[in-house]
Amino acid sequence: MKTIEDLRTRAKELSRQAVELRRKGSEVYEENKEQAKQFRQQAREAMKRCQVLIEEIKRQQA
């Protein structure tokens, strides 16, 4: 079992990753819509993993 601090750190990393992927998707949208779609999908997946970690943090704090 990871500590709450480890979970928070990983959640922040995933959140930053999602923001970066979303930004990349916006940058390449005009040139390559398929790649932009892939970046957006990866961003959604990262945010889902981040939400799972946030729920785990809440469970551990309760």
Protein backbone atom coordinates (compact mmCIF):
# COMPACT_ATOMS: atom_id res chain seq x y z
CA MET A 1 0.00 0.00 0.00
CA LYS A 2 1.38 3.37 -0.98
CA THR A 3 1.37 6.30 1.38
CA ILE A 4 -0.98 9.20 0.89
CA GLU A 5 1.97 11.40 -0.03
CA ASP A 6 3.04 8.94 -2.76
CA LEU A 7 -0.51 8.91 -4.12
CA ARG A 8 -0.70 12.70 -4.11
CA THR A 9 2.61 12.98 -5.95
CA ARG A 10 1.50 10.50 -8.61
CA ALA A 11 -1.88 12.24 -8.98
CA LYS A 12 -0.12 15.57 -9.56
CA GLU A 13 2.16 13.96 -12.15
CA LEU A 14 -0.82 12.48 -13.99
CA SER A 15 -2.65 15.79 -13.88
CA ARG A 16 0.35 17.62 -15.37
CA GLN A 17 0.68 14.91 -18.00
CA ALA A 18 -2.99 15.27 -18.95
CA VAL A 19 -2.66 19.04 -19.29
CA GLU A 20 0.45 18.66 -21.44
CA LEU A 21 -1.22 16.08 -23.69
CA ARG A 22 -4.29 18.28 -24.08
CA ARG A 23 -2.04 21.23 -25.00
CA LYS A 24 -0.18 19.13 -27.58
CA GLY A 25 -3.49 18.03 -29.02
CA SER A 26 -4.53 21.63 -29.46
CA GLU A 27 -1.21 22.56 -31.07
CA VAL A 28 -1.27 19.81 -33.70
CA TYR A 29 -5.01 19.87 -34.40
CA GLU A 30 -4.83 21.90 -37.61
CA GLU A 31 -1.97 19.85 -39.11
CA ASN A 32 -2.87 16.36 -37.91
CA LYS A 33 -6.35 15.75 -36.56
CA GLU A 34 -5.70 12.03 -35.95
CA GLN A 35 -2.66 12.70 -33.78
CA ALA A 36 -4.61 15.40 -31.92
CA LYS A 37 -7.35 12.85 -31.26
CA GLN A 38 -4.77 10.42 -29.86
CA PHE A 39 -3.32 13.11 -27.57
CA ARG A 40 -6.80 13.95 -26.28
CA GLN A 41 -7.53 10.25 -25.65
CA GLN A 42 -4.27 9.88 -23.72
CA ALA A 43 -5.16 12.98 -21.70
CA ARG A 44 -8.57 11.48 -20.81
CA GLU A 45 -6.92 8.23 -19.71
CA ALA A 46 -4.41 10.11 -17.55
CA MET A 47 -7.23 12.06 -15.90
CA LYS A 48 -9.15 8.85 -15.22
CA ARG A 49 -6.10 7.37 -13.49
CA CYS A 50 -5.69 10.62 -11.57
CA GLN A 51 -9.31 10.42 -10.38
CA VAL A 52 -8.79 6.83 -9.20
CA LEU A 53 -5.81 7.98 -7.14
CA ILE A 54 -7.82 10.86 -5.67
CA GLU A 55 -10.55 8.42 -4.63
CA GLU A 56 -7.92 6.18 -3.02
CA ILE A 57 -6.51 9.17 -1.10
CA LYS A 58 -10.00 9.98 0.17
CA ARG A 59 -10.54 6.36 1.24
CA GLN A 60 -7.27 6.28 3.14
CA GLN A 61 -8.01 9.54 4.91
CA ALA A 62 -11.46 8.39 6.03
